[in-house]
All heavy atoms as atom14 arrays in JSON, in Angstrom:
{
  "sequence": "DGEIGRELLDTLEDSGLKGLAYAERGFRNLTNSKKPIETAAD",
  "atom14_mask": [
    [1, 1, 1, 1, 1, 1, 1, 1, 0, 0, 0, 0, 0, 0],
    [1, 1, 1, 1, 0, 0, 0, 0, 0, 0, 0, 0, 0, 0],
    [1, 1, 1, 1, 1, 1, 1, 1, 1, 0, 0, 0, 0, 0],
    [1, 1, 1, 1, 1, 1, 1, 1, 0, 0, 0, 0, 0, 0],
    [1, 1, 1, 1, 0, 0, 0, 0, 0, 0, 0, 0, 0, 0],
    [1, 1, 1, 1, 1, 1, 1, 1, 1, 1, 1, 0, 0, 0],
    [1, 1, 1, 1, 1, 1, 1, 1, 1, 0, 0, 0, 0, 0],
    [1, 1, 1, 1, 1, 1, 1, 1, 0, 0, 0, 0, 0, 0],
    [1, 1, 1, 1, 1, 1, 1, 1, 0, 0, 0, 0, 0, 0],
    [1, 1, 1, 1, 1, 1, 1, 1, 0, 0, 0, 0, 0, 0],
    [1, 1, 1, 1, 1, 1, 1, 0, 0, 0, 0, 0, 0, 0],
    [1, 1, 1, 1, 1, 1, 1, 1, 0, 0, 0, 0, 0, 0],
    [1, 1, 1, 1, 1, 1, 1, 1, 1, 0, 0, 0, 0, 0],
    [1, 1, 1, 1, 1, 1, 1, 1, 0, 0, 0, 0, 0, 0],
    [1, 1, 1, 1, 1, 1, 0, 0, 0, 0, 0, 0, 0, 0],
    [1, 1, 1, 1, 0, 0, 0, 0, 0, 0, 0, 0, 0, 0],
    [1, 1, 1, 1, 1, 1, 1, 1, 0, 0, 0, 0, 0, 0],
    [1, 1, 1, 1, 1, 1, 1, 1, 1, 0, 0, 0, 0, 0],
    [1, 1, 1, 1, 0, 0, 0, 0, 0, 0, 0, 0, 0, 0],
    [1, 1, 1, 1, 1, 1, 1, 1, 0, 0, 0, 0, 0, 0],
    [1, 1, 1, 1, 1, 0, 0, 0, 0, 0, 0, 0, 0, 0],
    [1, 1, 1, 1, 1, 1, 1, 1, 1, 1, 1, 1, 0, 0],
    [1, 1, 1, 1, 1, 0, 0, 0, 0, 0, 0, 0, 0, 0],
    [1, 1, 1, 1, 1, 1, 1, 1, 1, 0, 0, 0, 0, 0],
    [1, 1, 1, 1, 1, 1, 1, 1, 1, 1, 1, 0, 0, 0],
    [1, 1, 1, 1, 0, 0, 0, 0, 0, 0, 0, 0, 0, 0],
    [1, 1, 1, 1, 1, 1, 1, 1, 1, 1, 1, 0, 0, 0],
    [1, 1, 1, 1, 1, 1, 1, 1, 1, 1, 1, 0, 0, 0],
    [1, 1, 1, 1, 1, 1, 1, 1, 0, 0, 0, 0, 0, 0],
    [1, 1, 1, 1, 1, 1, 1, 1, 0, 0, 0, 0, 0, 0],
    [1, 1, 1, 1, 1, 1, 1, 0, 0, 0, 0, 0, 0, 0],
    [1, 1, 1, 1, 1, 1, 1, 1, 0, 0, 0, 0, 0, 0],
    [1, 1, 1, 1, 1, 1, 0, 0, 0, 0, 0, 0, 0, 0],
    [1, 1, 1, 1, 1, 1, 1, 1, 1, 0, 0, 0, 0, 0],
    [1, 1, 1, 1, 1, 1, 1, 1, 1, 0, 0, 0, 0, 0],
    [1, 1, 1, 1, 1, 1, 1, 0, 0, 0, 0, 0, 0, 0],
    [1, 1, 1, 1, 1, 1, 1, 1, 0, 0, 0, 0, 0, 0],
    [1, 1, 1, 1, 1, 1, 1, 1, 1, 0, 0, 0, 0, 0],
    [1, 1, 1, 1, 1, 1, 1, 0, 0, 0, 0, 0, 0, 0],
    [1, 1, 1, 1, 1, 0, 0, 0, 0, 0, 0, 0, 0, 0],
    [1, 1, 1, 1, 1, 0, 0, 0, 0, 0, 0, 0, 0, 0],
    [1, 1, 1, 1, 1, 1, 1, 1, 0, 0, 0, 0, 0, 0]
  ],
  "atom14_positions": [
    [[8.18, -9.98, 0.35], [8.96, -10.86, 1.23], [10.33, -11.19, 0.65], [11.09, -11.94, 1.25], [8.19, -12.16, 1.49], [6.93, -11.94, 2.29], [6.81, -10.89, 2.95], [6.03, -12.82, 2.26], [0.0, 0.0, 0.0], [0.0, 0.0, 0.0], [0.0, 0.0, 0.0], [0.0, 0.0, 0.0], [0.0, 0.0, 0.0], [0.0, 0.0, 0.0]],
    [[10.64, -10.61, -0.48], [11.92, -10.87, -1.13], [12.88, -9.7, -1.05], [12.75, -8.8, -0.2], [0.0, 0.0, 0.0], [0.0, 0.0, 0.0], [0.0, 0.0, 0.0], [0.0, 0.0, 0.0], [0.0, 0.0, 0.0], [0.0, 0.0, 0.0], [0.0, 0.0, 0.0], [0.0, 0.0, 0.0], [0.0, 0.0, 0.0], [0.0, 0.0, 0.0]],
    [[13.84, -9.71, -1.93], [14.92, -8.72, -1.92], [14.41, -7.29, -2.09], [14.86, -6.37, -1.39], [15.89, -9.05, -3.06], [17.06, -8.09, -3.19], [17.96, -8.42, -4.36], [17.93, -9.57, -4.83], [18.69, -7.52, -4.81], [0.0, 0.0, 0.0], [0.0, 0.0, 0.0], [0.0, 0.0, 0.0], [0.0, 0.0, 0.0], [0.0, 0.0, 0.0]],
    [[13.46, -7.09, -2.99], [12.96, -5.73, -3.24], [12.25, -5.18, -2.01], [12.45, -4.02, -1.62], [12.02, -5.72, -4.46], [12.79, -6.09, -5.73], [11.38, -4.34, -4.63], [11.91, -6.25, -6.96], [0.0, 0.0, 0.0], [0.0, 0.0, 0.0], [0.0, 0.0, 0.0], [0.0, 0.0, 0.0], [0.0, 0.0, 0.0], [0.0, 0.0, 0.0]],
    [[11.42, -6.02, -1.4], [10.7, -5.57, -0.21], [11.63, -5.14, 0.91], [11.44, -4.09, 1.53], [0.0, 0.0, 0.0], [0.0, 0.0, 0.0], [0.0, 0.0, 0.0], [0.0, 0.0, 0.0], [0.0, 0.0, 0.0], [0.0, 0.0, 0.0], [0.0, 0.0, 0.0], [0.0, 0.0, 0.0], [0.0, 0.0, 0.0], [0.0, 0.0, 0.0]],
    [[12.66, -5.96, 1.18], [13.61, -5.62, 2.24], [14.4, -4.36, 1.89], [14.66, -3.5, 2.75], [14.56, -6.79, 2.45], [15.54, -6.64, 3.6], [14.82, -6.77, 4.92], [14.67, -5.49, 5.59], [13.91, -5.32, 6.66], [13.22, -6.33, 7.17], [13.79, -4.14, 7.22], [0.0, 0.0, 0.0], [0.0, 0.0, 0.0], [0.0, 0.0, 0.0]],
    [[14.77, -4.24, 0.63], [15.51, -3.07, 0.17], [14.71, -1.78, 0.4], [15.26, -0.77, 0.85], [15.82, -3.24, -1.32], [16.67, -2.15, -1.94], [16.94, -2.44, -3.4], [17.23, -3.6, -3.75], [16.85, -1.49, -4.21], [0.0, 0.0, 0.0], [0.0, 0.0, 0.0], [0.0, 0.0, 0.0], [0.0, 0.0, 0.0], [0.0, 0.0, 0.0]],
    [[13.42, -1.83, 0.12], [12.57, -0.66, 0.32], [12.43, -0.33, 1.81], [12.5, 0.84, 2.2], [11.2, -0.9, -0.3], [11.16, -0.9, -1.84], [9.81, -1.41, -2.35], [11.45, 0.5, -2.38], [0.0, 0.0, 0.0], [0.0, 0.0, 0.0], [0.0, 0.0, 0.0], [0.0, 0.0, 0.0], [0.0, 0.0, 0.0], [0.0, 0.0, 0.0]],
    [[12.26, -1.34, 2.64], [12.17, -1.09, 4.08], [13.44, -0.44, 4.61], [13.4, 0.45, 5.47], [11.9, -2.39, 4.84], [10.51, -3.02, 4.69], [10.43, -4.3, 5.53], [9.41, -2.04, 5.11], [0.0, 0.0, 0.0], [0.0, 0.0, 0.0], [0.0, 0.0, 0.0], [0.0, 0.0, 0.0], [0.0, 0.0, 0.0], [0.0, 0.0, 0.0]],
    [[14.58, -0.87, 4.09], [15.86, -0.32, 4.56], [16.03, 1.16, 4.21], [16.79, 1.87, 4.87], [17.02, -1.13, 3.98], [17.13, -2.52, 4.6], [16.5, -2.76, 5.65], [17.83, -3.38, 4.02], [0.0, 0.0, 0.0], [0.0, 0.0, 0.0], [0.0, 0.0, 0.0], [0.0, 0.0, 0.0], [0.0, 0.0, 0.0], [0.0, 0.0, 0.0]],
    [[15.31, 1.63, 3.18], [15.42, 3.05, 2.83], [14.82, 3.95, 3.92], [15.11, 5.14, 3.95], [14.72, 3.36, 1.49], [13.3, 3.14, 1.62], [15.27, 2.5, 0.37], [0.0, 0.0, 0.0], [0.0, 0.0, 0.0], [0.0, 0.0, 0.0], [0.0, 0.0, 0.0], [0.0, 0.0, 0.0], [0.0, 0.0, 0.0], [0.0, 0.0, 0.0]],
    [[14.0, 3.38, 4.79], [13.38, 4.17, 5.86], [14.38, 4.56, 6.94], [14.13, 5.5, 7.71], [12.23, 3.38, 6.49], [11.03, 3.08, 5.59], [10.09, 2.1, 6.27], [10.3, 4.37, 5.23], [0.0, 0.0, 0.0], [0.0, 0.0, 0.0], [0.0, 0.0, 0.0], [0.0, 0.0, 0.0], [0.0, 0.0, 0.0], [0.0, 0.0, 0.0]],
    [[15.5, 3.87, 7.01], [16.46, 4.11, 8.09], [17.06, 5.51, 8.01], [17.44, 6.09, 9.03], [17.54, 3.03, 8.08], [16.98, 1.65, 8.42], [18.06, 0.58, 8.5], [19.24, 0.93, 8.72], [17.72, -0.6, 8.33], [0.0, 0.0, 0.0], [0.0, 0.0, 0.0], [0.0, 0.0, 0.0], [0.0, 0.0, 0.0], [0.0, 0.0, 0.0]],
    [[17.14, 6.06, 6.81], [17.66, 7.42, 6.67], [16.74, 8.45, 7.33], [17.16, 9.58, 7.6], [17.82, 7.78, 5.19], [18.95, 7.01, 4.52], [19.85, 6.55, 5.24], [18.94, 6.86, 3.28], [0.0, 0.0, 0.0], [0.0, 0.0, 0.0], [0.0, 0.0, 0.0], [0.0, 0.0, 0.0], [0.0, 0.0, 0.0], [0.0, 0.0, 0.0]],
    [[15.49, 8.05, 7.58], [14.53, 8.94, 8.24], [14.29, 8.56, 9.7], [13.33, 9.02, 10.32], [13.19, 8.92, 7.48], [13.34, 9.46, 6.19], [0.0, 0.0, 0.0], [0.0, 0.0, 0.0], [0.0, 0.0, 0.0], [0.0, 0.0, 0.0], [0.0, 0.0, 0.0], [0.0, 0.0, 0.0], [0.0, 0.0, 0.0], [0.0, 0.0, 0.0]],
    [[15.15, 7.7, 10.23], [15.03, 7.34, 11.64], [13.96, 6.31, 11.93], [13.48, 6.19, 13.06], [0.0, 0.0, 0.0], [0.0, 0.0, 0.0], [0.0, 0.0, 0.0], [0.0, 0.0, 0.0], [0.0, 0.0, 0.0], [0.0, 0.0, 0.0], [0.0, 0.0, 0.0], [0.0, 0.0, 0.0], [0.0, 0.0, 0.0], [0.0, 0.0, 0.0]],
    [[13.57, 5.54, 10.9], [12.54, 4.52, 11.06], [13.12, 3.15, 10.71], [14.0, 3.03, 9.85], [11.35, 4.81, 10.15], [10.66, 6.16, 10.36], [9.67, 6.43, 9.23], [9.93, 6.19, 11.71], [0.0, 0.0, 0.0], [0.0, 0.0, 0.0], [0.0, 0.0, 0.0], [0.0, 0.0, 0.0], [0.0, 0.0, 0.0], [0.0, 0.0, 0.0]],
    [[12.6, 2.11, 11.35], [13.01, 0.74, 11.04], [11.79, -0.06, 10.63], [10.9, -0.34, 11.43], [13.66, 0.08, 12.27], [14.12, -1.35, 12.03], [15.27, -1.42, 11.04], [15.73, -2.85, 10.81], [16.86, -2.92, 9.83], [0.0, 0.0, 0.0], [0.0, 0.0, 0.0], [0.0, 0.0, 0.0], [0.0, 0.0, 0.0], [0.0, 0.0, 0.0]],
    [[11.73, -0.41, 9.35], [10.64, -1.25, 8.86], [10.93, -2.71, 9.19], [11.97, -3.23, 8.78], [0.0, 0.0, 0.0], [0.0, 0.0, 0.0], [0.0, 0.0, 0.0], [0.0, 0.0, 0.0], [0.0, 0.0, 0.0], [0.0, 0.0, 0.0], [0.0, 0.0, 0.0], [0.0, 0.0, 0.0], [0.0, 0.0, 0.0], [0.0, 0.0, 0.0]],
    [[10.05, -3.35, 9.94], [10.29, -4.73, 10.35], [9.71, -5.75, 9.37], [10.36, -6.72, 9.02], [9.72, -4.97, 11.75], [10.26, -4.09, 12.88], [9.62, -4.49, 14.21], [11.78, -4.17, 12.97], [0.0, 0.0, 0.0], [0.0, 0.0, 0.0], [0.0, 0.0, 0.0], [0.0, 0.0, 0.0], [0.0, 0.0, 0.0], [0.0, 0.0, 0.0]],
    [[8.47, -5.54, 8.96], [7.82, -6.51, 8.06], [6.56, -5.9, 7.47], [6.01, -4.92, 8.0], [7.48, -7.79, 8.82], [0.0, 0.0, 0.0], [0.0, 0.0, 0.0], [0.0, 0.0, 0.0], [0.0, 0.0, 0.0], [0.0, 0.0, 0.0], [0.0, 0.0, 0.0], [0.0, 0.0, 0.0], [0.0, 0.0, 0.0], [0.0, 0.0, 0.0]],
    [[6.09, -6.51, 6.38], [4.88, -6.06, 5.72], [3.68, -6.91, 6.15], [3.53, -8.06, 5.7], [5.01, -6.19, 4.2], [6.08, -5.34, 3.55], [7.34, -5.86, 3.3], [5.81, -4.03, 3.16], [8.33, -5.11, 2.66], [6.79, -3.26, 2.53], [8.05, -3.8, 2.3], [9.0, -3.05, 1.67], [0.0, 0.0, 0.0], [0.0, 0.0, 0.0]],
    [[2.86, -6.37, 7.0], [1.55, -6.98, 7.21], [0.66, -6.5, 6.07], [1.15, -5.92, 5.09], [0.98, -6.6, 8.58], [0.0, 0.0, 0.0], [0.0, 0.0, 0.0], [0.0, 0.0, 0.0], [0.0, 0.0, 0.0], [0.0, 0.0, 0.0], [0.0, 0.0, 0.0], [0.0, 0.0, 0.0], [0.0, 0.0, 0.0], [0.0, 0.0, 0.0]],
    [[-0.65, -6.71, 6.2], [-1.51, -6.45, 5.05], [-2.68, -5.54, 5.39], [-3.38, -5.75, 6.37], [-2.05, -7.78, 4.54], [-2.91, -7.69, 3.3], [-3.15, -9.06, 2.71], [-2.33, -9.47, 1.86], [-4.13, -9.73, 3.12], [0.0, 0.0, 0.0], [0.0, 0.0, 0.0], [0.0, 0.0, 0.0], [0.0, 0.0, 0.0], [0.0, 0.0, 0.0]],
    [[-2.85, -4.5, 4.56], [-4.1, -3.77, 4.55], [-5.0, -4.37, 3.47], [-6.18, -4.55, 3.66], [-3.84, -2.27, 4.31], [-5.06, -1.4, 4.21], [-6.13, -1.74, 5.19], [-6.04, -1.06, 6.47], [-6.51, -1.58, 7.58], [-7.03, -2.78, 7.59], [-6.43, -0.94, 8.71], [0.0, 0.0, 0.0], [0.0, 0.0, 0.0], [0.0, 0.0, 0.0]],
    [[-4.38, -4.74, 2.35], [-5.1, -5.47, 1.32], [-5.38, -4.65, 0.08], [-4.98, -3.49, -0.04], [0.0, 0.0, 0.0], [0.0, 0.0, 0.0], [0.0, 0.0, 0.0], [0.0, 0.0, 0.0], [0.0, 0.0, 0.0], [0.0, 0.0, 0.0], [0.0, 0.0, 0.0], [0.0, 0.0, 0.0], [0.0, 0.0, 0.0], [0.0, 0.0, 0.0]],
    [[-6.06, -5.26, -0.87], [-6.42, -4.56, -2.1], [-7.52, -3.54, -1.79], [-8.53, -3.87, -1.17], [-6.88, -5.54, -3.17], [-5.74, -6.17, -3.92], [-5.29, -7.43, -3.58], [-5.1, -5.48, -4.95], [-4.22, -8.01, -4.28], [-4.03, -6.04, -5.64], [-3.6, -7.31, -5.31], [0.0, 0.0, 0.0], [0.0, 0.0, 0.0], [0.0, 0.0, 0.0]],
    [[-7.3, -2.35, -2.28], [-8.2, -1.24, -1.97], [-9.3, -1.14, -3.03], [-9.07, -1.33, -4.22], [-7.41, 0.07, -1.88], [-6.28, 0.0, -0.86], [-5.5, 1.3, -0.79], [-6.23, 2.31, -0.04], [-6.17, 2.48, 1.28], [-5.41, 1.66, 2.01], [-6.83, 3.44, 1.88], [0.0, 0.0, 0.0], [0.0, 0.0, 0.0], [0.0, 0.0, 0.0]],
    [[-10.5, -0.85, -2.53], [-11.67, -0.76, -3.39], [-12.44, 0.52, -3.1], [-12.31, 1.11, -2.02], [-12.58, -1.98, -3.15], [-11.87, -3.29, -3.39], [-11.56, -3.65, -4.51], [-11.59, -4.01, -2.31], [0.0, 0.0, 0.0], [0.0, 0.0, 0.0], [0.0, 0.0, 0.0], [0.0, 0.0, 0.0], [0.0, 0.0, 0.0], [0.0, 0.0, 0.0]],
    [[-13.26, 0.92, -4.04], [-14.01, 2.17, -3.93], [-15.38, 1.98, -3.3], [-16.06, 0.98, -3.56], [-14.21, 2.78, -5.33], [-12.97, 3.37, -6.0], [-13.17, 3.42, -7.51], [-12.69, 4.75, -5.43], [0.0, 0.0, 0.0], [0.0, 0.0, 0.0], [0.0, 0.0, 0.0], [0.0, 0.0, 0.0], [0.0, 0.0, 0.0], [0.0, 0.0, 0.0]],
    [[-15.78, 2.93, -2.46], [-17.17, 2.99, -2.0], [-17.66, 4.42, -2.22], [-16.86, 5.37, -2.24], [-17.32, 2.64, -0.5], [-16.79, 3.7, 0.3], [-16.63, 1.34, -0.16], [0.0, 0.0, 0.0], [0.0, 0.0, 0.0], [0.0, 0.0, 0.0], [0.0, 0.0, 0.0], [0.0, 0.0, 0.0], [0.0, 0.0, 0.0], [0.0, 0.0, 0.0]],
    [[-18.98, 4.56, -2.38], [-19.53, 5.91, -2.47], [-21.02, 5.88, -2.12], [-21.64, 4.82, -2.05], [-19.3, 6.5, -3.86], [-20.3, 6.03, -4.89], [-21.32, 6.68, -5.13], [-20.03, 4.88, -5.5], [0.0, 0.0, 0.0], [0.0, 0.0, 0.0], [0.0, 0.0, 0.0], [0.0, 0.0, 0.0], [0.0, 0.0, 0.0], [0.0, 0.0, 0.0]],
    [[-21.56, 7.05, -1.92], [-22.96, 7.18, -1.52], [-23.87, 7.62, -2.66], [-25.07, 7.81, -2.44], [-23.07, 8.19, -0.37], [-22.6, 9.46, -0.79], [0.0, 0.0, 0.0], [0.0, 0.0, 0.0], [0.0, 0.0, 0.0], [0.0, 0.0, 0.0], [0.0, 0.0, 0.0], [0.0, 0.0, 0.0], [0.0, 0.0, 0.0], [0.0, 0.0, 0.0]],
    [[-23.33, 7.76, -3.86], [-24.08, 8.39, -4.95], [-24.61, 7.43, -6.01], [-25.79, 7.46, -6.36], [-23.2, 9.44, -5.64], [-22.72, 10.58, -4.73], [-23.88, 11.39, -4.2], [-23.39, 12.58, -3.37], [-24.51, 13.35, -2.79], [0.0, 0.0, 0.0], [0.0, 0.0, 0.0], [0.0, 0.0, 0.0], [0.0, 0.0, 0.0], [0.0, 0.0, 0.0]],
    [[-23.73, 6.57, -6.55], [-24.15, 5.76, -7.7], [-23.19, 4.58, -7.88], [-22.06, 4.6, -7.37], [-24.16, 6.6, -8.96], [-22.79, 7.17, -9.33], [-22.84, 8.02, -10.6], [-21.46, 8.57, -10.96], [-21.48, 9.38, -12.19], [0.0, 0.0, 0.0], [0.0, 0.0, 0.0], [0.0, 0.0, 0.0], [0.0, 0.0, 0.0], [0.0, 0.0, 0.0]],
    [[-23.61, 3.57, -8.65], [-22.7, 2.46, -8.96], [-21.56, 2.95, -9.85], [-21.79, 3.75, -10.77], [-23.59, 1.46, -9.73], [-25.0, 1.86, -9.43], [-24.96, 3.35, -9.2], [0.0, 0.0, 0.0], [0.0, 0.0, 0.0], [0.0, 0.0, 0.0], [0.0, 0.0, 0.0], [0.0, 0.0, 0.0], [0.0, 0.0, 0.0], [0.0, 0.0, 0.0]],
    [[-20.35, 2.48, -9.57], [-19.18, 2.85, -10.38], [-18.73, 1.58, -11.11], [-18.23, 0.64, -10.5], [-18.03, 3.39, -9.5], [-18.49, 4.6, -8.7], [-16.81, 3.71, -10.36], [-18.9, 5.8, -9.53], [0.0, 0.0, 0.0], [0.0, 0.0, 0.0], [0.0, 0.0, 0.0], [0.0, 0.0, 0.0], [0.0, 0.0, 0.0], [0.0, 0.0, 0.0]],
    [[-18.89, 1.57, -12.43], [-18.52, 0.4, -13.22], [-17.35, 0.69, -14.16], [-16.64, -0.24, -14.57], [-19.72, -0.09, -14.02], [-20.86, -0.54, -13.1], [-21.93, -1.3, -13.85], [-21.68, -1.73, -14.99], [-23.02, -1.47, -13.28], [0.0, 0.0, 0.0], [0.0, 0.0, 0.0], [0.0, 0.0, 0.0], [0.0, 0.0, 0.0], [0.0, 0.0, 0.0]],
    [[-17.13, 1.95, -14.49], [-16.0, 2.33, -15.34], [-15.29, 3.53, -14.71], [-15.86, 4.22, -13.84], [-16.45, 2.72, -16.75], [-17.18, 3.96, -16.69], [-17.34, 1.64, -17.36], [0.0, 0.0, 0.0], [0.0, 0.0, 0.0], [0.0, 0.0, 0.0], [0.0, 0.0, 0.0], [0.0, 0.0, 0.0], [0.0, 0.0, 0.0], [0.0, 0.0, 0.0]],
    [[-14.09, 3.81, -15.18], [-13.35, 4.96, -14.66], [-14.1, 6.26, -14.92], [-14.08, 7.18, -14.09], [-11.97, 5.0, -15.3], [0.0, 0.0, 0.0], [0.0, 0.0, 0.0], [0.0, 0.0, 0.0], [0.0, 0.0, 0.0], [0.0, 0.0, 0.0], [0.0, 0.0, 0.0], [0.0, 0.0, 0.0], [0.0, 0.0, 0.0], [0.0, 0.0, 0.0]],
    [[-14.79, 6.33, -16.02], [-15.53, 7.55, -16.36], [-16.63, 7.87, -15.36], [-16.98, 9.04, -15.16], [-16.12, 7.41, -17.76], [0.0, 0.0, 0.0], [0.0, 0.0, 0.0], [0.0, 0.0, 0.0], [0.0, 0.0, 0.0], [0.0, 0.0, 0.0], [0.0, 0.0, 0.0], [0.0, 0.0, 0.0], [0.0, 0.0, 0.0], [0.0, 0.0, 0.0]],
    [[-17.15, 6.84, -14.69], [-18.22, 7.05, -13.7], [-17.73, 7.84, -12.49], [-18.54, 8.38, -11.72], [-18.78, 5.71, -13.22], [-19.49, 4.94, -14.33], [-20.0, 5.6, -15.26], [-19.52, 3.7, -14.26], [0.0, 0.0, 0.0], [0.0, 0.0, 0.0], [0.0, 0.0, 0.0], [0.0, 0.0, 0.0], [0.0, 0.0, 0.0], [0.0, 0.0, 0.0]]
  ]
}
């Protein structure tokens, strides 16, 4: 919501896009069908 965010959105204009605002998808987490994942090695 600050200077960096607006600056990044403005870079899209060179590609014919206008970024209006950042809504949220949120923090991404892992799911799987095989086993519990507790470390990166898993």
